[in-house]
Amino acid sequence: ITGDNPLTAAAIAAEAGVDDFLAQATPEDKLDLIRKEKTG
């Protein structure tokens, strides 16, 4: 999860080896993602 733009986020995600990323994230976006995963 990062506040960076999608291109920067994609480059860092690829270098770090994470499975997915959420770019330009606000605190509200982080909460929404957690709630979405928990709902599933």
Full PDB file with SEQRES, HELIX, SHEET, SSBOND, CRYST1, ORIGX, SCALE, CONECT and MASTER records, all heavy atoms in Angstrom:
SEQRES   1 A   40  ILE THR GLY ASP ASN PRO LEU THR ALA ALA ALA ILE ALA          
SEQRES   2 A   40  ALA GLU ALA GLY VAL ASP ASP PHE LEU ALA GLN ALA THR          
SEQRES   3 A   40  PRO GLU ASP LYS LEU ASP LEU ILE ARG LYS GLU LYS THR          
SEQRES   4 A   40  GLY                                                          
HELIX    1 AA1 PRO A    6  ALA A   16  1                                  11    
HELIX    2 AA2 PRO A   27  THR A   39  1                                  13    
CRYST1    1.000    1.000    1.000  90.00  90.00  90.00 P 1           1          
ORIGX1      1.000000  0.000000  0.000000        0.00000                         
ORIGX2      0.000000  1.000000  0.000000        0.00000                         
ORIGX3      0.000000  0.000000  1.000000        0.00000                         
SCALE1      1.000000  0.000000  0.000000        0.00000                         
SCALE2      0.000000  1.000000  0.000000        0.00000                         
SCALE3      0.000000  0.000000  1.000000        0.00000                         
ATOM      1  N   ILE A   1       0.856  -1.189   0.000  1.00  0.00           N  
ATOM      2  CA  ILE A   1       0.000   0.000   0.000  1.00  0.00           C  
ATOM      3  C   ILE A   1       0.890   1.236   0.000  1.00  0.00           C  
ATOM      4  O   ILE A   1       1.815   1.349   0.800  1.00  0.00           O  
ATOM      5  CB  ILE A   1      -0.914   0.016   1.234  1.00  0.00           C  
ATOM      6  CG1 ILE A   1      -1.801  -1.234   1.243  1.00  0.00           C  
ATOM      7  CG2 ILE A   1      -1.776   1.258   1.252  1.00  0.00           C  
ATOM      8  CD1 ILE A   1      -2.685  -1.343   2.455  1.00  0.00           C  
ATOM      9  N   THR A   2       0.613   2.159  -0.918  1.00  0.00           N  
ATOM     10  CA  THR A   2       1.463   3.337  -1.035  1.00  0.00           C  
ATOM     11  C   THR A   2       0.658   4.520  -1.545  1.00  0.00           C  
ATOM     12  O   THR A   2      -0.382   4.347  -2.206  1.00  0.00           O  
ATOM     13  CB  THR A   2       2.641   3.058  -2.000  1.00  0.00           C  
ATOM     14  OG1 THR A   2       3.403   4.242  -2.167  1.00  0.00           O  
ATOM     15  CG2 THR A   2       2.147   2.594  -3.356  1.00  0.00           C  
ATOM     16  N   GLY A   3       1.126   5.695  -1.228  1.00  0.00           N  
ATOM     17  CA  GLY A   3       0.526   6.912  -1.769  1.00  0.00           C  
ATOM     18  C   GLY A   3       1.093   7.288  -3.118  1.00  0.00           C  
ATOM     19  O   GLY A   3       0.663   8.268  -3.729  1.00  0.00           O  
ATOM     20  N   ASP A   4       2.063   6.511  -3.612  1.00  0.00           N  
ATOM     21  CA  ASP A   4       2.688   6.803  -4.904  1.00  0.00           C  
ATOM     22  C   ASP A   4       1.711   6.577  -6.050  1.00  0.00           C  
ATOM     23  O   ASP A   4       0.697   5.879  -5.914  1.00  0.00           O  
ATOM     24  CB  ASP A   4       3.911   5.906  -5.118  1.00  0.00           C  
ATOM     25  CG  ASP A   4       5.050   6.255  -4.177  1.00  0.00           C  
ATOM     26  OD1 ASP A   4       5.102   7.401  -3.719  1.00  0.00           O  
ATOM     27  OD2 ASP A   4       5.862   5.364  -3.879  1.00  0.00           O  
ATOM     28  N   ASN A   5       2.077   7.123  -7.219  1.00  0.00           N  
ATOM     29  CA  ASN A   5       1.258   6.889  -8.409  1.00  0.00           C  
ATOM     30  C   ASN A   5       1.421   5.445  -8.874  1.00  0.00           C  
ATOM     31  O   ASN A   5       2.371   4.754  -8.480  1.00  0.00           O  
ATOM     32  CB  ASN A   5       1.640   7.885  -9.514  1.00  0.00           C  
ATOM     33  CG  ASN A   5       3.053   7.666 -10.016  1.00  0.00           C  
ATOM     34  OD1 ASN A   5       3.376   6.636 -10.590  1.00  0.00           O  
ATOM     35  ND2 ASN A   5       3.924   8.649  -9.786  1.00  0.00           N  
ATOM     36  N   PRO A   6       0.506   4.950  -9.713  1.00  0.00           N  
ATOM     37  CA  PRO A   6       0.529   3.533 -10.103  1.00  0.00           C  
ATOM     38  C   PRO A   6       1.827   3.076 -10.753  1.00  0.00           C  
ATOM     39  O   PRO A   6       2.259   1.942 -10.537  1.00  0.00           O  
ATOM     40  CB  PRO A   6      -0.653   3.420 -11.072  1.00  0.00           C  
ATOM     41  CG  PRO A   6      -1.597   4.494 -10.637  1.00  0.00           C  
ATOM     42  CD  PRO A   6      -0.712   5.631 -10.199  1.00  0.00           C  
ATOM     43  N   LEU A   7       2.473   3.929 -11.561  1.00  0.00           N  
ATOM     44  CA  LEU A   7       3.707   3.514 -12.231  1.00  0.00           C  
ATOM     45  C   LEU A   7       4.830   3.278 -11.216  1.00  0.00           C  
ATOM     46  O   LEU A   7       5.545   2.273 -11.269  1.00  0.00           O  
ATOM     47  CB  LEU A   7       4.135   4.569 -13.253  1.00  0.00           C  
ATOM     48  CG  LEU A   7       3.387   4.575 -14.587  1.00  0.00           C  
ATOM     49  CD1 LEU A   7       3.824   5.765 -15.425  1.00  0.00           C  
ATOM     50  CD2 LEU A   7       3.628   3.269 -15.339  1.00  0.00           C  
ATOM     51  N   THR A   8       4.979   4.222 -10.280  1.00  0.00           N  
ATOM     52  CA  THR A   8       5.998   4.059  -9.242  1.00  0.00           C  
ATOM     53  C   THR A   8       5.687   2.838  -8.392  1.00  0.00           C  
ATOM     54  O   THR A   8       6.571   2.029  -8.071  1.00  0.00           O  
ATOM     55  CB  THR A   8       6.053   5.303  -8.346  1.00  0.00           C  
ATOM     56  OG1 THR A   8       6.363   6.441  -9.153  1.00  0.00           O  
ATOM     57  CG2 THR A   8       7.110   5.155  -7.270  1.00  0.00           C  
ATOM     58  N   ALA A   9       4.426   2.696  -8.024  1.00  0.00           N  
ATOM     59  CA  ALA A   9       4.014   1.567  -7.188  1.00  0.00           C  
ATOM     60  C   ALA A   9       4.299   0.245  -7.885  1.00  0.00           C  
ATOM     61  O   ALA A   9       4.783  -0.713  -7.269  1.00  0.00           O  
ATOM     62  CB  ALA A   9       2.528   1.678  -6.849  1.00  0.00           C  
ATOM     63  N   ALA A  10       4.024   0.183  -9.195  1.00  0.00           N  
ATOM     64  CA  ALA A  10       4.255  -1.051  -9.942  1.00  0.00           C  
ATOM     65  C   ALA A  10       5.742  -1.396  -9.978  1.00  0.00           C  
ATOM     66  O   ALA A  10       6.121  -2.571  -9.853  1.00  0.00           O  
ATOM     67  CB  ALA A  10       3.705  -0.915 -11.358  1.00  0.00           C  
ATOM     68  N   ALA A  11       6.591  -0.382 -10.151  1.00  0.00           N  
ATOM     69  CA  ALA A  11       8.035  -0.631 -10.205  1.00  0.00           C  
ATOM     70  C   ALA A  11       8.555  -1.151  -8.869  1.00  0.00           C  
ATOM     71  O   ALA A  11       9.323  -2.119  -8.819  1.00  0.00           O  
ATOM     72  CB  ALA A  11       8.769   0.655 -10.596  1.00  0.00           C  
ATOM     73  N   ILE A  12       8.145  -0.520  -7.772  1.00  0.00           N  
ATOM     74  CA  ILE A  12       8.585  -0.961  -6.451  1.00  0.00           C  
ATOM     75  C   ILE A  12       8.021  -2.340  -6.131  1.00  0.00           C  
ATOM     76  O   ILE A  12       8.719  -3.201  -5.577  1.00  0.00           O  
ATOM     77  CB  ILE A  12       8.155   0.058  -5.374  1.00  0.00           C  
ATOM     78  CG1 ILE A  12       8.826   1.407  -5.614  1.00  0.00           C  
ATOM     79  CG2 ILE A  12       8.498  -0.459  -3.978  1.00  0.00           C  
ATOM     80  CD1 ILE A  12      10.314   1.399  -5.470  1.00  0.00           C  
ATOM     81  N   ALA A  13       6.753  -2.572  -6.487  1.00  0.00           N  
ATOM     82  CA  ALA A  13       6.125  -3.869  -6.214  1.00  0.00           C  
ATOM     83  C   ALA A  13       6.856  -4.988  -6.943  1.00  0.00           C  
ATOM     84  O   ALA A  13       7.079  -6.071  -6.391  1.00  0.00           O  
ATOM     85  CB  ALA A  13       4.654  -3.840  -6.624  1.00  0.00           C  
ATOM     86  N   ALA A  14       7.242  -4.728  -8.208  1.00  0.00           N  
ATOM     87  CA  ALA A  14       7.962  -5.743  -8.979  1.00  0.00           C  
ATOM     88  C   ALA A  14       9.333  -6.016  -8.382  1.00  0.00           C  
ATOM     89  O   ALA A  14       9.776  -7.170  -8.293  1.00  0.00           O  
ATOM     90  CB  ALA A  14       8.087  -5.297 -10.436  1.00  0.00           C  
ATOM     91  N   GLU A  15      10.012  -4.954  -7.937  1.00  0.00           N  
ATOM     92  CA  GLU A  15      11.344  -5.122  -7.354  1.00  0.00           C  
ATOM     93  C   GLU A  15      11.277  -5.861  -6.018  1.00  0.00           C  
ATOM     94  O   GLU A  15      12.123  -6.696  -5.711  1.00  0.00           O  
ATOM     95  CB  GLU A  15      12.006  -3.758  -7.161  1.00  0.00           C  
ATOM     96  CG  GLU A  15      13.436  -3.840  -6.654  1.00  0.00           C  
ATOM     97  CD  GLU A  15      14.082  -2.480  -6.491  1.00  0.00           C  
ATOM     98  OE1 GLU A  15      13.463  -1.466  -6.880  1.00  0.00           O  
ATOM     99  OE2 GLU A  15      15.209  -2.418  -5.968  1.00  0.00           O  
ATOM    100  N   ALA A  16      10.244  -5.558  -5.230  1.00  0.00           N  
ATOM    101  CA  ALA A  16      10.123  -6.171  -3.907  1.00  0.00           C  
ATOM    102  C   ALA A  16       9.549  -7.580  -3.961  1.00  0.00           C  
ATOM    103  O   ALA A  16       9.788  -8.386  -3.056  1.00  0.00           O  
ATOM    104  CB  ALA A  16       9.255  -5.304  -3.002  1.00  0.00           C  
ATOM    105  N   GLY A  17       8.786  -7.889  -5.030  1.00  0.00           N  
ATOM    106  CA  GLY A  17       8.234  -9.235  -5.158  1.00  0.00           C  
ATOM    107  C   GLY A  17       6.902  -9.439  -4.461  1.00  0.00           C  
ATOM    108  O   GLY A  17       6.547 -10.574  -4.124  1.00  0.00           O  
ATOM    109  N   VAL A  18       6.128  -8.334  -4.239  1.00  0.00           N  
ATOM    110  CA  VAL A  18       4.804  -8.502  -3.642  1.00  0.00           C  
ATOM    111  C   VAL A  18       3.825  -8.974  -4.707  1.00  0.00           C  
ATOM    112  O   VAL A  18       4.067  -8.849  -5.905  1.00  0.00           O  
ATOM    113  CB  VAL A  18       4.301  -7.191  -2.995  1.00  0.00           C  
ATOM    114  CG1 VAL A  18       5.180  -6.785  -1.829  1.00  0.00           C  
ATOM    115  CG2 VAL A  18       4.226  -6.066  -4.011  1.00  0.00           C  
ATOM    116  N   ASP A  19       2.686  -9.519  -4.251  1.00  0.00           N  
ATOM    117  CA  ASP A  19       1.712 -10.081  -5.184  1.00  0.00           C  
ATOM    118  C   ASP A  19       0.812  -9.025  -5.807  1.00  0.00           C  
ATOM    119  O   ASP A  19       0.303  -9.202  -6.911  1.00  0.00           O  
ATOM    120  CB  ASP A  19       0.839 -11.119  -4.464  1.00  0.00           C  
ATOM    121  CG  ASP A  19       1.656 -12.285  -3.944  1.00  0.00           C  
ATOM    122  OD1 ASP A  19       2.468 -12.813  -4.720  1.00  0.00           O  
ATOM    123  OD2 ASP A  19       1.498 -12.661  -2.771  1.00  0.00           O  
ATOM    124  N   ASP A  20       0.568  -7.937  -5.098  1.00  0.00           N  
ATOM    125  CA  ASP A  20      -0.351  -6.914  -5.591  1.00  0.00           C  
ATOM    126  C   ASP A  20      -0.002  -5.594  -4.922  1.00  0.00           C  
ATOM    127  O   ASP A  20       0.817  -5.553  -3.995  1.00  0.00           O  
ATOM    128  CB  ASP A  20      -1.797  -7.309  -5.271  1.00  0.00           C  
ATOM    129  CG  ASP A  20      -2.805  -6.620  -6.184  1.00  0.00           C  
ATOM    130  OD1 ASP A  20      -2.392  -5.738  -6.978  1.00  0.00           O  
ATOM    131  OD2 ASP A  20      -4.006  -6.946  -6.096  1.00  0.00           O  
ATOM    132  N   PHE A  21      -0.606  -4.504  -5.391  1.00  0.00           N  
ATOM    133  CA  PHE A  21      -0.354  -3.213  -4.763  1.00  0.00           C  
ATOM    134  C   PHE A  21      -1.592  -2.335  -4.875  1.00  0.00           C  
ATOM    135  O   PHE A  21      -2.447  -2.533  -5.750  1.00  0.00           O  
ATOM    136  CB  PHE A  21       0.856  -2.511  -5.387  1.00  0.00           C  
ATOM    137  CG  PHE A  21       0.684  -2.138  -6.837  1.00  0.00           C  
ATOM    138  CD1 PHE A  21       0.119  -0.919  -7.199  1.00  0.00           C  
ATOM    139  CD2 PHE A  21       1.093  -3.007  -7.838  1.00  0.00           C  
ATOM    140  CE1 PHE A  21      -0.051  -0.585  -8.533  1.00  0.00           C  
ATOM    141  CE2 PHE A  21       0.931  -2.676  -9.179  1.00  0.00           C  
ATOM    142  CZ  PHE A  21       0.355  -1.460  -9.524  1.00  0.00           C  
ATOM    143  N   LEU A  22      -1.696  -1.376  -3.962  1.00  0.00           N  
ATOM    144  CA  LEU A  22      -2.741  -0.354  -3.989  1.00  0.00           C  
ATOM    145  C   LEU A  22      -2.039   0.986  -4.016  1.00  0.00           C  
ATOM    146  O   LEU A  22      -1.356   1.356  -3.062  1.00  0.00           O  
ATOM    147  CB  LEU A  22      -3.645  -0.468  -2.754  1.00  0.00           C  
ATOM    148  CG  LEU A  22      -4.735   0.602  -2.602  1.00  0.00           C  
ATOM    149  CD1 LEU A  22      -5.767   0.478  -3.722  1.00  0.00           C  
ATOM    150  CD2 LEU A  22      -5.417   0.486  -1.246  1.00  0.00           C  
ATOM    151  N   ALA A  23      -2.184   1.714  -5.139  1.00  0.00           N  
ATOM    152  CA  ALA A  23      -1.478   2.980  -5.317  1.00  0.00           C  
ATOM    153  C   ALA A  23      -2.365   4.159  -4.942  1.00  0.00           C  
ATOM    154  O   ALA A  23      -3.592   4.047  -4.869  1.00  0.00           O  
ATOM    155  CB  ALA A  23      -1.010   3.106  -6.765  1.00  0.00           C  
ATOM    156  N   GLN A  24      -1.718   5.305  -4.697  1.00  0.00           N  
ATOM    157  CA  GLN A  24      -2.395   6.555  -4.359  1.00  0.00           C  
ATOM    158  C   GLN A  24      -3.422   6.338  -3.248  1.00  0.00           C  
ATOM    159  O   GLN A  24      -4.543   6.827  -3.291  1.00  0.00           O  
ATOM    160  CB  GLN A  24      -3.057   7.150  -5.610  1.00  0.00           C  
ATOM    161  CG  GLN A  24      -2.027   7.557  -6.667  1.00  0.00           C  
ATOM    162  CD  GLN A  24      -2.657   8.108  -7.927  1.00  0.00           C  
ATOM    163  OE1 GLN A  24      -3.763   7.726  -8.299  1.00  0.00           O  
ATOM    164  NE2 GLN A  24      -1.944   9.002  -8.597  1.00  0.00           N  
ATOM    165  N   ALA A  25      -3.003   5.583  -2.250  1.00  0.00           N  
ATOM    166  CA  ALA A  25      -3.924   5.176  -1.185  1.00  0.00           C  
ATOM    167  C   ALA A  25      -4.010   6.225  -0.096  1.00  0.00           C  
ATOM    168  O   ALA A  25      -2.985   6.704   0.406  1.00  0.00           O  
ATOM    169  CB  ALA A  25      -3.480   3.845  -0.592  1.00  0.00           C  
ATOM    170  N   THR A  26      -5.214   6.577   0.283  1.00  0.00           N  
ATOM    171  CA  THR A  26      -5.465   7.412   1.452  1.00  0.00           C  
ATOM    172  C   THR A  26      -5.744   6.492   2.640  1.00  0.00           C  
ATOM    173  O   THR A  26      -5.974   5.286   2.454  1.00  0.00           O  
ATOM    174  CB  THR A  26      -6.677   8.320   1.222  1.00  0.00           C  
ATOM    175  OG1 THR A  26      -7.846   7.487   1.076  1.00  0.00           O  
ATOM    176  CG2 THR A  26      -6.493   9.169  -0.036  1.00  0.00           C  
ATOM    177  N   PRO A  27      -5.753   7.028   3.866  1.00  0.00           N  
ATOM    178  CA  PRO A  27      -6.134   6.183   5.006  1.00  0.00           C  
ATOM    179  C   PRO A  27      -7.484   5.509   4.814  1.00  0.00           C  
ATOM    180  O   PRO A  27      -7.685   4.361   5.225  1.00  0.00           O  
ATOM    181  CB  PRO A  27      -6.157   7.180   6.167  1.00  0.00           C  
ATOM    182  CG  PRO A  27      -5.145   8.228   5.787  1.00  0.00           C  
ATOM    183  CD  PRO A  27      -5.280   8.364   4.299  1.00  0.00           C  
ATOM    184  N   GLU A  28      -8.420   6.217   4.160  1.00  0.00           N  
ATOM    185  CA  GLU A  28      -9.744   5.631   3.915  1.00  0.00           C  
ATOM    186  C   GLU A  28      -9.657   4.460   2.951  1.00  0.00           C  
ATOM    187  O   GLU A  28     -10.364   3.447   3.110  1.00  0.00           O  
ATOM    188  CB  GLU A  28     -10.698   6.695   3.360  1.00  0.00           C  
ATOM    189  CG  GLU A  28     -11.070   7.796   4.337  1.00  0.00           C  
ATOM    190  CD  GLU A  28      -9.996   8.854   4.503  1.00  0.00           C  
ATOM    191  OE1 GLU A  28      -9.030   8.866   3.687  1.00  0.00           O  
ATOM    192  OE2 GLU A  28     -10.098   9.671   5.437  1.00  0.00           O  
ATOM    193  N   ASP A  29      -8.773   4.562   1.942  1.00  0.00           N  
ATOM    194  CA  ASP A  29      -8.598   3.464   0.981  1.00  0.00           C  
ATOM    195  C   ASP A  29      -8.063   2.215   1.672  1.00  0.00           C  
ATOM    196  O   ASP A  29      -8.469   1.091   1.356  1.00  0.00           O  
ATOM    197  CB  ASP A  29      -7.634   3.883  -0.132  1.00  0.00           C  
ATOM    198  CG  ASP A  29      -8.206   4.973  -1.019  1.00  0.00           C  
ATOM    199  OD1 ASP A  29      -9.447   5.042  -1.145  1.00  0.00           O  
ATOM    200  OD2 ASP A  29      -7.415   5.762  -1.570  1.00  0.00           O  
ATOM    201  N   LYS A  30      -7.138   2.397   2.614  1.00  0.00           N  
ATOM    202  CA  LYS A  30      -6.586   1.257   3.351  1.00  0.00           C  
ATOM    203  C   LYS A  30      -7.684   0.553   4.142  1.00  0.00           C  
ATOM    204  O   LYS A  30      -7.767  -0.684   4.153  1.00  0.00           O  
ATOM    205  CB  LYS A  30      -5.471   1.717   4.288  1.00  0.00           C  
ATOM    206  CG  LYS A  30      -4.275   2.342   3.587  1.00  0.00           C  
ATOM    207  CD  LYS A  30      -3.250   2.861   4.599  1.00  0.00           C  
ATOM    208  CE  LYS A  30      -2.131   3.614   3.912  1.00  0.00           C  
ATOM    209  NZ  LYS A  30      -1.123   4.131   4.843  1.00  0.00           N  
ATOM    210  N   LEU A  31      -8.511   1.347   4.805  1.00  0.00           N  
ATOM    211  CA  LEU A  31      -9.608   0.765   5.578  1.00  0.00           C  
ATOM    212  C   LEU A  31     -10.578   0.020   4.673  1.00  0.00           C  
ATOM    213  O   LEU A  31     -11.035  -1.078   5.003  1.00  0.00           O  
ATOM    214  CB  LEU A  31     -10.351   1.867   6.340  1.00  0.00           C  
ATOM    215  CG  LEU A  31      -9.692   2.399   7.611  1.00  0.00           C  
ATOM    216  CD1 LEU A  31     -10.492   3.566   8.155  1.00  0.00           C  
ATOM    217  CD2 LEU A  31      -9.581   1.304   8.655  1.00  0.00           C  
ATOM    218  N   ASP A  32     -10.902   0.615   3.520  1.00  0.00           N  
ATOM    219  CA  ASP A  32     -11.831  -0.034   2.586  1.00  0.00           C  
ATOM    220  C   ASP A  32     -11.283  -1.366   2.096  1.00  0.00           C  
ATOM    221  O   ASP A  32     -12.024  -2.349   1.974  1.00  0.00           O  
ATOM    222  CB  ASP A  32     -12.105   0.884   1.388  1.00  0.00           C  
ATOM    223  CG  ASP A  32     -12.958   2.094   1.760  1.00  0.00           C  
ATOM    224  OD1 ASP A  32     -13.622   2.045   2.821  1.00  0.00           O  
ATOM    225  OD2 ASP A  32     -12.950   3.077   0.993  1.00  0.00           O  
ATOM    226  N   LEU A  33      -9.959  -1.418   1.814  1.00  0.00           N  
ATOM    227  CA  LEU A  33      -9.353  -2.661   1.343  1.00  0.00           C  
ATOM    228  C   LEU A  33      -9.415  -3.737   2.423  1.00  0.00           C  
ATOM    229  O   LEU A  33      -9.731  -4.899   2.143  1.00  0.00           O  
ATOM    230  CB  LEU A  33      -7.905  -2.406   0.930  1.00  0.00           C  
ATOM    231  CG  LEU A  33      -7.114  -3.630   0.452  1.00  0.00           C  
ATOM    232  CD1 LEU A  33      -7.797  -4.276  -0.749  1.00  0.00           C  
ATOM    233  CD2 LEU A  33      -5.680  -3.255   0.107  1.00  0.00           C  
ATOM    234  N   ILE A  34      -9.129  -3.356   3.670  1.00  0.00           N  
ATOM    235  CA  ILE A  34      -9.178  -4.332   4.764  1.00  0.00           C  
ATOM    236  C   ILE A  34     -10.594  -4.861   4.943  1.00  0.00           C  
ATOM    237  O   ILE A  34     -10.811  -6.069   5.089  1.00  0.00           O  
ATOM    238  CB  ILE A  34      -8.659  -3.693   6.070  1.00  0.00           C  
ATOM    239  CG1 ILE A  34      -7.159  -3.434   5.963  1.00  0.00           C  
ATOM    240  CG2 ILE A  34      -8.950  -4.591   7.274  1.00  0.00           C  
ATOM    241  CD1 ILE A  34      -6.578  -2.686   7.137  1.00  0.00           C  
ATOM    242  N   ARG A  35     -11.579  -3.958   4.907  1.00  0.00           N  
ATOM    243  CA  ARG A  35     -12.976  -4.385   5.067  1.00  0.00           C  
ATOM    244  C   ARG A  35     -13.413  -5.297   3.927  1.00  0.00           C  
ATOM    245  O   ARG A  35     -14.135  -6.270   4.133  1.00  0.00           O  
ATOM    246  CB  ARG A  35     -13.877  -3.156   5.145  1.00  0.00           C  
ATOM    247  CG  ARG A  35     -13.721  -2.378   6.450  1.00  0.00           C  
ATOM    248  CD  ARG A  35     -14.456  -1.061   6.391  1.00  0.00           C  
ATOM    249  NE  ARG A  35     -14.265  -0.298   7.626  1.00  0.00           N  
ATOM    250  CZ  ARG A  35     -14.240   1.020   7.680  1.00  0.00           C  
ATOM    251  NH1 ARG A  35     -14.395   1.738   6.573  1.00  0.00           N  
ATOM    252  NH2 ARG A  35     -14.061   1.637   8.836  1.00  0.00           N  
ATOM    253  N   LYS A  36     -12.957  -4.983   2.713  1.00  0.00           N  
ATOM    254  CA  LYS A  36     -13.301  -5.816   1.557  1.00  0.00           C  
ATOM    255  C   LYS A  36     -12.742  -7.220   1.717  1.00  0.00           C  
ATOM    256  O   LYS A  36     -13.434  -8.226   1.464  1.00  0.00           O  
ATOM    257  CB  LYS A  36     -12.754  -5.166   0.279  1.00  0.00           C  
ATOM    258  CG  LYS A  36     -13.015  -5.981  -0.980  1.00  0.00           C  
ATOM    259  CD  LYS A  36     -12.388  -5.300  -2.195  1.00  0.00           C  
ATOM    260  CE  LYS A  36     -12.550  -6.158  -3.438  1.00  0.00           C  
ATOM    261  NZ  LYS A  36     -11.889  -5.531  -4.615  1.00  0.00           N  
ATOM    262  N   GLU A  37     -11.483  -7.335   2.134  1.00  0.00           N  
ATOM    263  CA  GLU A  37     -10.859  -8.649   2.319  1.00  0.00           C  
ATOM    264  C   GLU A  37     -11.548  -9.423   3.439  1.00  0.00           C  
ATOM    265  O   GLU A  37     -11.797 -10.623   3.321  1.00  0.00           O  
ATOM    266  CB  GLU A  37      -9.367  -8.488   2.631  1.00  0.00           C  
ATOM    267  CG  GLU A  37      -8.531  -7.889   1.511  1.00  0.00           C  
ATOM    268  CD  GLU A  37      -8.316  -8.850   0.353  1.00  0.00           C  
ATOM    269  OE1 GLU A  37      -8.732 -10.019   0.460  1.00  0.00           O  
ATOM    270  OE2 GLU A  37      -7.734  -8.427  -0.665  1.00  0.00           O  
ATOM    271  N   LYS A  38     -11.877  -8.741   4.535  1.00  0.00           N  
ATOM    272  CA  LYS A  38     -12.518  -9.410   5.664  1.00  0.00           C  
ATOM    273  C   LYS A  38     -13.937  -9.839   5.322  1.00  0.00           C  
ATOM    274  O   LYS A  38     -14.410 -10.885   5.785  1.00  0.00           O  
ATOM    275  CB  LYS A  38     -12.511  -8.495   6.897  1.00  0.00           C  
ATOM    276  CG  LYS A  38     -11.102  -8.253   7.447  1.00  0.00           C  
ATOM    277  CD  LYS A  38     -11.094  -7.267   8.590  1.00  0.00           C  
ATOM    278  CE  LYS A  38     -11.618  -7.874   9.864  1.00  0.00           C  
ATOM    279  NZ  LYS A  38     -11.384  -6.983  11.013  1.00  0.00           N  
ATOM    280  N   THR A  39     -14.622  -9.038   4.498  1.00  0.00           N  
ATOM    281  CA  THR A  39     -15.966  -9.422   4.051  1.00  0.00           C  
ATOM    282  C   THR A  39     -15.912 -10.706   3.236  1.00  0.00           C  
ATOM    283  O   THR A  39     -16.850 -11.516   3.271  1.00  0.00           O  
ATOM    284  CB  THR A  39     -16.594  -8.288   3.209  1.00  0.00           C  
ATOM    285  OG1 THR A  39     -16.654  -7.104   3.999  1.00  0.00           O  
ATOM    286  CG2 THR A  39     -17.995  -8.660   2.764  1.00  0.00           C  
ATOM    287  N   GLY A  40     -14.812 -10.908   2.534  1.00  0.00           N  
ATOM    288  CA  GLY A  40     -14.637 -12.135   1.754  1.00  0.00           C  
ATOM    289  C   GLY A  40     -14.191 -13.322   2.584  1.00  0.00           C  
ATOM    290  O   GLY A  40     -13.832 -14.364   2.035  1.00  0.00           O  
TER     291      GLY A  40                                                      
MASTER        0    0    0    2    0    0    0    6  290    1    0    4          
END                                                                             
